[in-house]
mmCIF file of all heavy atoms, coordinates in Angstrom:
data_MODEL
# 
_entry.id   MODEL 
# 
loop_
_atom_site.group_PDB 
_atom_site.id 
_atom_site.type_symbol 
_atom_site.label_atom_id 
_atom_site.label_alt_id 
_atom_site.label_comp_id 
_atom_site.label_asym_id 
_atom_site.label_entity_id 
_atom_site.label_seq_id 
_atom_site.pdbx_PDB_ins_code 
_atom_site.Cartn_x 
_atom_site.Cartn_y 
_atom_site.Cartn_z 
_atom_site.occupancy 
_atom_site.B_iso_or_equiv 
_atom_site.pdbx_formal_charge 
_atom_site.auth_seq_id 
_atom_site.auth_comp_id 
_atom_site.auth_asym_id 
_atom_site.auth_atom_id 
_atom_site.pdbx_PDB_model_num 
ATOM 1   N N   . CYS A 1 1  ? -19.987 -181.266 -200.878 1.00 0.00 ? 1  CYS A N   1 
ATOM 2   C CA  . CYS A 1 1  ? -19.479 -180.480 -202.007 1.00 0.00 ? 1  CYS A CA  1 
ATOM 3   C C   . CYS A 1 1  ? -17.980 -180.510 -202.211 1.00 0.00 ? 1  CYS A C   1 
ATOM 4   O O   . CYS A 1 1  ? -17.528 -180.963 -203.238 1.00 0.00 ? 1  CYS A O   1 
ATOM 5   C CB  . CYS A 1 1  ? -19.966 -179.025 -201.912 1.00 0.00 ? 1  CYS A CB  1 
ATOM 6   S SG  . CYS A 1 1  ? -21.745 -178.870 -202.065 1.00 0.00 ? 1  CYS A SG  1 
ATOM 7   N N   . ALA A 1 2  ? -17.179 -179.972 -201.293 1.00 0.00 ? 2  ALA A N   1 
ATOM 8   C CA  . ALA A 1 2  ? -15.750 -179.883 -201.553 1.00 0.00 ? 2  ALA A CA  1 
ATOM 9   C C   . ALA A 1 2  ? -15.075 -181.202 -201.219 1.00 0.00 ? 2  ALA A C   1 
ATOM 10  O O   . ALA A 1 2  ? -15.121 -181.649 -200.078 1.00 0.00 ? 2  ALA A O   1 
ATOM 11  C CB  . ALA A 1 2  ? -15.137 -178.757 -200.728 1.00 0.00 ? 2  ALA A CB  1 
ATOM 12  N N   . PRO A 1 3  ? -14.435 -181.872 -202.191 1.00 0.00 ? 3  PRO A N   1 
ATOM 13  C CA  . PRO A 1 3  ? -13.848 -183.181 -201.940 1.00 0.00 ? 3  PRO A CA  1 
ATOM 14  C C   . PRO A 1 3  ? -12.523 -183.086 -201.211 1.00 0.00 ? 3  PRO A C   1 
ATOM 15  O O   . PRO A 1 3  ? -11.874 -182.058 -201.187 1.00 0.00 ? 3  PRO A O   1 
ATOM 16  C CB  . PRO A 1 3  ? -13.650 -183.741 -203.349 1.00 0.00 ? 3  PRO A CB  1 
ATOM 17  C CG  . PRO A 1 3  ? -13.411 -182.532 -204.182 1.00 0.00 ? 3  PRO A CG  1 
ATOM 18  C CD  . PRO A 1 3  ? -14.262 -181.445 -203.577 1.00 0.00 ? 3  PRO A CD  1 
ATOM 19  N N   . SER A 1 4  ? -12.106 -184.206 -200.634 1.00 0.00 ? 4  SER A N   1 
ATOM 20  C CA  . SER A 1 4  ? -10.832 -184.287 -199.942 1.00 0.00 ? 4  SER A CA  1 
ATOM 21  C C   . SER A 1 4  ? -9.752  -184.744 -200.902 1.00 0.00 ? 4  SER A C   1 
ATOM 22  O O   . SER A 1 4  ? -9.968  -185.627 -201.726 1.00 0.00 ? 4  SER A O   1 
ATOM 23  C CB  . SER A 1 4  ? -10.956 -185.290 -198.786 1.00 0.00 ? 4  SER A CB  1 
ATOM 24  O OG  . SER A 1 4  ? -9.702  -185.580 -198.238 1.00 0.00 ? 4  SER A OG  1 
ATOM 25  N N   . ARG A 1 5  ? -8.567  -184.136 -200.774 1.00 0.00 ? 5  ARG A N   1 
ATOM 26  C CA  . ARG A 1 5  ? -7.458  -184.552 -201.621 1.00 0.00 ? 5  ARG A CA  1 
ATOM 27  C C   . ARG A 1 5  ? -6.998  -185.958 -201.267 1.00 0.00 ? 5  ARG A C   1 
ATOM 28  O O   . ARG A 1 5  ? -6.535  -186.708 -202.086 1.00 0.00 ? 5  ARG A O   1 
ATOM 29  C CB  . ARG A 1 5  ? -6.292  -183.568 -201.486 1.00 0.00 ? 5  ARG A CB  1 
ATOM 30  C CG  . ARG A 1 5  ? -5.154  -183.856 -202.451 1.00 0.00 ? 5  ARG A CG  1 
ATOM 31  C CD  . ARG A 1 5  ? -4.011  -182.878 -202.264 1.00 0.00 ? 5  ARG A CD  1 
ATOM 32  N NE  . ARG A 1 5  ? -4.396  -181.526 -202.611 1.00 0.00 ? 5  ARG A NE  1 
ATOM 33  C CZ  . ARG A 1 5  ? -4.450  -181.057 -203.853 1.00 0.00 ? 5  ARG A CZ  1 
ATOM 34  N NH1 . ARG A 1 5  ? -4.164  -181.843 -204.871 1.00 0.00 ? 5  ARG A NH1 1 
ATOM 35  N NH2 . ARG A 1 5  ? -4.811  -179.811 -204.084 1.00 0.00 ? 5  ARG A NH2 1 
ATOM 36  N N   . GLY A 1 6  ? -7.115  -186.332 -200.010 1.00 0.00 ? 6  GLY A N   1 
ATOM 37  C CA  . GLY A 1 6  ? -6.667  -187.653 -199.584 1.00 0.00 ? 6  GLY A CA  1 
ATOM 38  C C   . GLY A 1 6  ? -6.250  -187.593 -198.138 1.00 0.00 ? 6  GLY A C   1 
ATOM 39  O O   . GLY A 1 6  ? -6.967  -187.058 -197.304 1.00 0.00 ? 6  GLY A O   1 
ATOM 40  N N   . GLU A 1 7  ? -5.095  -188.127 -197.828 1.00 0.00 ? 7  GLU A N   1 
ATOM 41  C CA  . GLU A 1 7  ? -4.622  -188.123 -196.452 1.00 0.00 ? 7  GLU A CA  1 
ATOM 42  C C   . GLU A 1 7  ? -4.401  -186.689 -195.995 1.00 0.00 ? 7  GLU A C   1 
ATOM 43  O O   . GLU A 1 7  ? -3.805  -185.876 -196.702 1.00 0.00 ? 7  GLU A O   1 
ATOM 44  C CB  . GLU A 1 7  ? -3.310  -188.904 -196.344 1.00 0.00 ? 7  GLU A CB  1 
ATOM 45  C CG  . GLU A 1 7  ? -3.472  -190.388 -196.563 1.00 0.00 ? 7  GLU A CG  1 
ATOM 46  C CD  . GLU A 1 7  ? -4.322  -191.035 -195.483 1.00 0.00 ? 7  GLU A CD  1 
ATOM 47  O OE1 . GLU A 1 7  ? -4.169  -190.629 -194.307 1.00 0.00 ? 7  GLU A OE1 1 
ATOM 48  O OE2 . GLU A 1 7  ? -5.126  -191.925 -195.808 1.00 0.00 ? 7  GLU A OE2 1 
ATOM 49  N N   . GLY A 1 8  ? -4.844  -186.381 -194.787 1.00 0.00 ? 8  GLY A N   1 
ATOM 50  C CA  . GLY A 1 8  ? -4.677  -185.044 -194.254 1.00 0.00 ? 8  GLY A CA  1 
ATOM 51  C C   . GLY A 1 8  ? -3.283  -184.832 -193.714 1.00 0.00 ? 8  GLY A C   1 
ATOM 52  O O   . GLY A 1 8  ? -2.484  -185.748 -193.598 1.00 0.00 ? 8  GLY A O   1 
ATOM 53  N N   . THR A 1 9  ? -2.981  -183.574 -193.388 1.00 0.00 ? 9  THR A N   1 
ATOM 54  C CA  . THR A 1 9  ? -1.701  -183.283 -192.775 1.00 0.00 ? 9  THR A CA  1 
ATOM 55  C C   . THR A 1 9  ? -1.718  -183.706 -191.325 1.00 0.00 ? 9  THR A C   1 
ATOM 56  O O   . THR A 1 9  ? -2.757  -183.990 -190.750 1.00 0.00 ? 9  THR A O   1 
ATOM 57  C CB  . THR A 1 9  ? -1.389  -181.786 -192.853 1.00 0.00 ? 9  THR A CB  1 
ATOM 58  O OG1 . THR A 1 9  ? -2.439  -181.070 -192.209 1.00 0.00 ? 9  THR A OG1 1 
ATOM 59  C CG2 . THR A 1 9  ? -1.270  -181.330 -194.289 1.00 0.00 ? 9  THR A CG2 1 
ATOM 60  N N   . SER A 1 10 ? -0.587  -183.728 -190.705 1.00 0.00 ? 10 SER A N   1 
ATOM 61  C CA  . SER A 1 10 ? -0.462  -184.186 -189.328 1.00 0.00 ? 10 SER A CA  1 
ATOM 62  C C   . SER A 1 10 ? -1.272  -183.323 -188.379 1.00 0.00 ? 10 SER A C   1 
ATOM 63  O O   . SER A 1 10 ? -1.384  -182.115 -188.555 1.00 0.00 ? 10 SER A O   1 
ATOM 64  C CB  . SER A 1 10 ? 1.007   -184.144 -188.905 1.00 0.00 ? 10 SER A CB  1 
ATOM 65  O OG  . SER A 1 10 ? 1.140   -184.294 -187.523 1.00 0.00 ? 10 SER A OG  1 
ATOM 66  N N   . SER A 1 11 ? -1.827  -183.951 -187.349 1.00 0.00 ? 11 SER A N   1 
ATOM 67  C CA  . SER A 1 11 ? -2.556  -183.193 -186.340 1.00 0.00 ? 11 SER A CA  1 
ATOM 68  C C   . SER A 1 11 ? -1.616  -182.369 -185.474 1.00 0.00 ? 11 SER A C   1 
ATOM 69  O O   . SER A 1 11 ? -2.057  -181.652 -184.589 1.00 0.00 ? 11 SER A O   1 
ATOM 70  C CB  . SER A 1 11 ? -3.360  -184.143 -185.444 1.00 0.00 ? 11 SER A CB  1 
ATOM 71  O OG  . SER A 1 11 ? -2.507  -185.046 -184.785 1.00 0.00 ? 11 SER A OG  1 
ATOM 72  N N   . GLU A 1 12 ? -0.317  -182.450 -185.751 1.00 0.00 ? 12 GLU A N   1 
ATOM 73  C CA  . GLU A 1 12 ? 0.638   -181.608 -185.047 1.00 0.00 ? 12 GLU A CA  1 
ATOM 74  C C   . GLU A 1 12 ? 0.760   -180.236 -185.685 1.00 0.00 ? 12 GLU A C   1 
ATOM 75  O O   . GLU A 1 12 ? 1.558   -179.414 -185.256 1.00 0.00 ? 12 GLU A O   1 
ATOM 76  C CB  . GLU A 1 12 ? 2.028   -182.283 -185.040 1.00 0.00 ? 12 GLU A CB  1 
ATOM 77  C CG  . GLU A 1 12 ? 2.048   -183.652 -184.379 1.00 0.00 ? 12 GLU A CG  1 
ATOM 78  C CD  . GLU A 1 12 ? 1.676   -183.576 -182.920 1.00 0.00 ? 12 GLU A CD  1 
ATOM 79  O OE1 . GLU A 1 12 ? 2.133   -182.638 -182.246 1.00 0.00 ? 12 GLU A OE1 1 
ATOM 80  O OE2 . GLU A 1 12 ? 0.939   -184.442 -182.450 1.00 0.00 ? 12 GLU A OE2 1 
ATOM 81  N N   . ALA A 1 13 ? -0.009  -179.989 -186.754 1.00 0.00 ? 13 ALA A N   1 
ATOM 82  C CA  . ALA A 1 13 ? 0.081   -178.698 -187.428 1.00 0.00 ? 13 ALA A CA  1 
ATOM 83  C C   . ALA A 1 13 ? -0.124  -177.563 -186.446 1.00 0.00 ? 13 ALA A C   1 
ATOM 84  O O   . ALA A 1 13 ? -0.913  -177.649 -185.512 1.00 0.00 ? 13 ALA A O   1 
ATOM 85  C CB  . ALA A 1 13 ? -0.985  -178.616 -188.532 1.00 0.00 ? 13 ALA A CB  1 
ATOM 86  N N   . GLN A 1 14 ? 0.580   -176.464 -186.677 1.00 0.00 ? 14 GLN A N   1 
ATOM 87  C CA  . GLN A 1 14 ? 0.539   -175.359 -185.730 1.00 0.00 ? 14 GLN A CA  1 
ATOM 88  C C   . GLN A 1 14 ? -0.811  -174.688 -185.710 1.00 0.00 ? 14 GLN A C   1 
ATOM 89  O O   . GLN A 1 14 ? -1.460  -174.519 -186.729 1.00 0.00 ? 14 GLN A O   1 
ATOM 90  C CB  . GLN A 1 14 ? 1.602   -174.320 -186.087 1.00 0.00 ? 14 GLN A CB  1 
ATOM 91  C CG  . GLN A 1 14 ? 3.007   -174.732 -185.693 1.00 0.00 ? 14 GLN A CG  1 
ATOM 92  C CD  . GLN A 1 14 ? 3.952   -173.545 -185.772 1.00 0.00 ? 14 GLN A CD  1 
ATOM 93  O OE1 . GLN A 1 14 ? 3.723   -172.607 -186.519 1.00 0.00 ? 14 GLN A OE1 1 
ATOM 94  N NE2 . GLN A 1 14 ? 4.990   -173.598 -184.983 1.00 0.00 ? 14 GLN A NE2 1 
ATOM 95  N N   . ASP A 1 15 ? -1.241  -174.294 -184.535 1.00 0.00 ? 15 ASP A N   1 
ATOM 96  C CA  . ASP A 1 15 ? -2.455  -173.516 -184.358 1.00 0.00 ? 15 ASP A CA  1 
ATOM 97  C C   . ASP A 1 15 ? -2.176  -172.078 -184.782 1.00 0.00 ? 15 ASP A C   1 
ATOM 98  O O   . ASP A 1 15 ? -1.060  -171.597 -184.655 1.00 0.00 ? 15 ASP A O   1 
ATOM 99  C CB  . ASP A 1 15 ? -2.875  -173.559 -182.887 1.00 0.00 ? 15 ASP A CB  1 
ATOM 100 C CG  . ASP A 1 15 ? -4.291  -173.066 -182.681 1.00 0.00 ? 15 ASP A CG  1 
ATOM 101 O OD1 . ASP A 1 15 ? -4.449  -171.831 -182.642 1.00 0.00 ? 15 ASP A OD1 1 
ATOM 102 O OD2 . ASP A 1 15 ? -5.200  -173.884 -182.533 1.00 0.00 ? 15 ASP A OD2 1 
ATOM 103 N N   . ALA A 1 16 ? -3.196  -171.405 -185.290 1.00 0.00 ? 16 ALA A N   1 
ATOM 104 C CA  . ALA A 1 16 ? -2.987  -170.052 -185.811 1.00 0.00 ? 16 ALA A CA  1 
ATOM 105 C C   . ALA A 1 16 ? -3.692  -168.998 -184.987 1.00 0.00 ? 16 ALA A C   1 
ATOM 106 O O   . ALA A 1 16 ? -4.075  -167.958 -185.486 1.00 0.00 ? 16 ALA A O   1 
ATOM 107 C CB  . ALA A 1 16 ? -3.478  -169.967 -187.254 1.00 0.00 ? 16 ALA A CB  1 
ATOM 108 N N   . THR A 1 17 ? -3.870  -169.225 -183.718 1.00 0.00 ? 17 THR A N   1 
ATOM 109 C CA  . THR A 1 17 ? -4.622  -168.278 -182.908 1.00 0.00 ? 17 THR A CA  1 
ATOM 110 C C   . THR A 1 17 ? -3.721  -167.299 -182.168 1.00 0.00 ? 17 THR A C   1 
ATOM 111 O O   . THR A 1 17 ? -4.182  -166.583 -181.295 1.00 0.00 ? 17 THR A O   1 
ATOM 112 C CB  . THR A 1 17 ? -5.491  -169.031 -181.881 1.00 0.00 ? 17 THR A CB  1 
ATOM 113 O OG1 . THR A 1 17 ? -4.652  -169.907 -181.108 1.00 0.00 ? 17 THR A OG1 1 
ATOM 114 C CG2 . THR A 1 17 ? -6.540  -169.860 -182.595 1.00 0.00 ? 17 THR A CG2 1 
ATOM 115 N N   . ALA A 1 18 ? -2.436  -167.272 -182.520 1.00 0.00 ? 18 ALA A N   1 
ATOM 116 C CA  . ALA A 1 18 ? -1.548  -166.320 -181.873 1.00 0.00 ? 18 ALA A CA  1 
ATOM 117 C C   . ALA A 1 18 ? -2.014  -164.895 -182.150 1.00 0.00 ? 18 ALA A C   1 
ATOM 118 O O   . ALA A 1 18 ? -2.548  -164.582 -183.210 1.00 0.00 ? 18 ALA A O   1 
ATOM 119 C CB  . ALA A 1 18 ? -0.119  -166.510 -182.396 1.00 0.00 ? 18 ALA A CB  1 
ATOM 120 N N   . GLN A 1 19 ? -1.793  -164.004 -181.200 1.00 0.00 ? 19 GLN A N   1 
ATOM 121 C CA  . GLN A 1 19 ? -2.279  -162.639 -181.312 1.00 0.00 ? 19 GLN A CA  1 
ATOM 122 C C   . GLN A 1 19 ? -1.502  -161.891 -182.390 1.00 0.00 ? 19 GLN A C   1 
ATOM 123 O O   . GLN A 1 19 ? -0.285  -161.867 -182.408 1.00 0.00 ? 19 GLN A O   1 
ATOM 124 C CB  . GLN A 1 19 ? -2.130  -161.931 -179.958 1.00 0.00 ? 19 GLN A CB  1 
ATOM 125 C CG  . GLN A 1 19 ? -2.944  -160.666 -179.855 1.00 0.00 ? 19 GLN A CG  1 
ATOM 126 C CD  . GLN A 1 19 ? -2.923  -160.131 -178.439 1.00 0.00 ? 19 GLN A CD  1 
ATOM 127 O OE1 . GLN A 1 19 ? -1.890  -159.656 -177.971 1.00 0.00 ? 19 GLN A OE1 1 
ATOM 128 N NE2 . GLN A 1 19 ? -4.048  -160.192 -177.764 1.00 0.00 ? 19 GLN A NE2 1 
ATOM 129 N N   . ARG A 1 20 ? -2.251  -161.297 -183.321 1.00 0.00 ? 20 ARG A N   1 
ATOM 130 C CA  . ARG A 1 20 ? -1.634  -160.531 -184.386 1.00 0.00 ? 20 ARG A CA  1 
ATOM 131 C C   . ARG A 1 20 ? -2.473  -159.294 -184.652 1.00 0.00 ? 20 ARG A C   1 
ATOM 132 O O   . ARG A 1 20 ? -3.640  -159.239 -184.297 1.00 0.00 ? 20 ARG A O   1 
ATOM 133 C CB  . ARG A 1 20 ? -1.541  -161.347 -185.687 1.00 0.00 ? 20 ARG A CB  1 
ATOM 134 C CG  . ARG A 1 20 ? -0.725  -162.627 -185.591 1.00 0.00 ? 20 ARG A CG  1 
ATOM 135 C CD  . ARG A 1 20 ? -0.607  -163.252 -186.969 1.00 0.00 ? 20 ARG A CD  1 
ATOM 136 N NE  . ARG A 1 20 ? 0.154   -164.506 -186.915 1.00 0.00 ? 20 ARG A NE  1 
ATOM 137 C CZ  . ARG A 1 20 ? -0.385  -165.697 -186.856 1.00 0.00 ? 20 ARG A CZ  1 
ATOM 138 N NH1 . ARG A 1 20 ? -1.703  -165.816 -186.785 1.00 0.00 ? 20 ARG A NH1 1 
ATOM 139 N NH2 . ARG A 1 20 ? 0.360   -166.777 -186.837 1.00 0.00 ? 20 ARG A NH2 1 
ATOM 140 N N   . THR A 1 21 ? -1.881  -158.318 -185.310 1.00 0.00 ? 21 THR A N   1 
ATOM 141 C CA  . THR A 1 21 ? -2.631  -157.161 -185.792 1.00 0.00 ? 21 THR A CA  1 
ATOM 142 C C   . THR A 1 21 ? -2.514  -157.136 -187.302 1.00 0.00 ? 21 THR A C   1 
ATOM 143 O O   . THR A 1 21 ? -1.522  -157.590 -187.858 1.00 0.00 ? 21 THR A O   1 
ATOM 144 C CB  . THR A 1 21 ? -2.088  -155.847 -185.205 1.00 0.00 ? 21 THR A CB  1 
ATOM 145 O OG1 . THR A 1 21 ? -0.687  -155.763 -185.503 1.00 0.00 ? 21 THR A OG1 1 
ATOM 146 C CG2 . THR A 1 21 ? -2.292  -155.805 -183.707 1.00 0.00 ? 21 THR A CG2 1 
ATOM 147 N N   . PRO A 1 22 ? -3.535  -156.610 -187.994 1.00 0.00 ? 22 PRO A N   1 
ATOM 148 C CA  . PRO A 1 22 ? -3.492  -156.615 -189.452 1.00 0.00 ? 22 PRO A CA  1 
ATOM 149 C C   . PRO A 1 22 ? -2.262  -155.896 -189.984 1.00 0.00 ? 22 PRO A C   1 
ATOM 150 O O   . PRO A 1 22 ? -1.909  -154.808 -189.532 1.00 0.00 ? 22 PRO A O   1 
ATOM 151 C CB  . PRO A 1 22 ? -4.784  -155.877 -189.836 1.00 0.00 ? 22 PRO A CB  1 
ATOM 152 C CG  . PRO A 1 22 ? -5.686  -156.096 -188.675 1.00 0.00 ? 22 PRO A CG  1 
ATOM 153 C CD  . PRO A 1 22 ? -4.791  -156.094 -187.474 1.00 0.00 ? 22 PRO A CD  1 
ATOM 154 N N   . GLY A 1 23 ? -1.597  -156.507 -190.939 1.00 0.00 ? 23 GLY A N   1 
ATOM 155 C CA  . GLY A 1 23 ? -0.411  -155.924 -191.538 1.00 0.00 ? 23 GLY A CA  1 
ATOM 156 C C   . GLY A 1 23 ? -0.742  -155.206 -192.827 1.00 0.00 ? 23 GLY A C   1 
ATOM 157 O O   . GLY A 1 23 ? -1.892  -155.104 -193.241 1.00 0.00 ? 23 GLY A O   1 
ATOM 158 N N   . PRO A 1 24 ? 0.262   -154.688 -193.519 1.00 0.00 ? 24 PRO A N   1 
ATOM 159 C CA  . PRO A 1 24 ? 0.030   -153.877 -194.708 1.00 0.00 ? 24 PRO A CA  1 
ATOM 160 C C   . PRO A 1 24 ? -0.281  -154.693 -195.954 1.00 0.00 ? 24 PRO A C   1 
ATOM 161 O O   . PRO A 1 24 ? -0.728  -154.154 -196.951 1.00 0.00 ? 24 PRO A O   1 
ATOM 162 C CB  . PRO A 1 24 ? 1.369   -153.146 -194.878 1.00 0.00 ? 24 PRO A CB  1 
ATOM 163 C CG  . PRO A 1 24 ? 2.379   -154.107 -194.312 1.00 0.00 ? 24 PRO A CG  1 
ATOM 164 C CD  . PRO A 1 24 ? 1.676   -154.769 -193.153 1.00 0.00 ? 24 PRO A CD  1 
ATOM 165 N N   . GLY A 1 25 ? -0.015  -155.989 -195.932 1.00 0.00 ? 25 GLY A N   1 
ATOM 166 C CA  . GLY A 1 25 ? -0.114  -156.776 -197.148 1.00 0.00 ? 25 GLY A CA  1 
ATOM 167 C C   . GLY A 1 25 ? -1.511  -157.246 -197.477 1.00 0.00 ? 25 GLY A C   1 
ATOM 168 O O   . GLY A 1 25 ? -2.002  -158.197 -196.891 1.00 0.00 ? 25 GLY A O   1 
ATOM 169 N N   . GLY A 1 26 ? -2.179  -156.606 -198.433 1.00 0.00 ? 26 GLY A N   1 
ATOM 170 C CA  . GLY A 1 26 ? -3.428  -157.115 -198.964 1.00 0.00 ? 26 GLY A CA  1 
ATOM 171 C C   . GLY A 1 26 ? -4.655  -156.884 -198.116 1.00 0.00 ? 26 GLY A C   1 
ATOM 172 O O   . GLY A 1 26 ? -5.767  -156.931 -198.601 1.00 0.00 ? 26 GLY A O   1 
ATOM 173 N N   . VAL A 1 27 ? -4.506  -156.632 -196.819 1.00 0.00 ? 27 VAL A N   1 
ATOM 174 C CA  . VAL A 1 27 ? -5.646  -156.439 -195.924 1.00 0.00 ? 27 VAL A CA  1 
ATOM 175 C C   . VAL A 1 27 ? -5.472  -155.091 -195.221 1.00 0.00 ? 27 VAL A C   1 
ATOM 176 O O   . VAL A 1 27 ? -4.421  -154.815 -194.655 1.00 0.00 ? 27 VAL A O   1 
ATOM 177 C CB  . VAL A 1 27 ? -5.741  -157.563 -194.880 1.00 0.00 ? 27 VAL A CB  1 
ATOM 178 C CG1 . VAL A 1 27 ? -7.019  -157.421 -194.066 1.00 0.00 ? 27 VAL A CG1 1 
ATOM 179 C CG2 . VAL A 1 27 ? -5.696  -158.925 -195.547 1.00 0.00 ? 27 VAL A CG2 1 
ATOM 180 N N   . HIS A 1 28 ? -6.482  -154.273 -195.258 1.00 0.00 ? 28 HIS A N   1 
ATOM 181 C CA  . HIS A 1 28 ? -6.399  -152.933 -194.684 1.00 0.00 ? 28 HIS A CA  1 
ATOM 182 C C   . HIS A 1 28 ? -7.405  -152.775 -193.555 1.00 0.00 ? 28 HIS A C   1 
ATOM 183 O O   . HIS A 1 28 ? -8.363  -153.531 -193.457 1.00 0.00 ? 28 HIS A O   1 
ATOM 184 C CB  . HIS A 1 28 ? -6.637  -151.881 -195.770 1.00 0.00 ? 28 HIS A CB  1 
ATOM 185 C CG  . HIS A 1 28 ? -5.692  -152.000 -196.921 1.00 0.00 ? 28 HIS A CG  1 
ATOM 186 N ND1 . HIS A 1 28 ? -4.375  -151.626 -196.849 1.00 0.00 ? 28 HIS A ND1 1 
ATOM 187 C CD2 . HIS A 1 28 ? -5.872  -152.498 -198.176 1.00 0.00 ? 28 HIS A CD2 1 
ATOM 188 C CE1 . HIS A 1 28 ? -3.780  -151.861 -198.004 1.00 0.00 ? 28 HIS A CE1 1 
ATOM 189 N NE2 . HIS A 1 28 ? -4.665  -152.400 -198.824 1.00 0.00 ? 28 HIS A NE2 1 
# 
């Protein structure tokens, strides 16, 4: 279903699993 735009970004992209708590912006 969802097509690829083309070449992907680098595999060096940062991981997003750092510990966080929900902030005030848009998510409650």
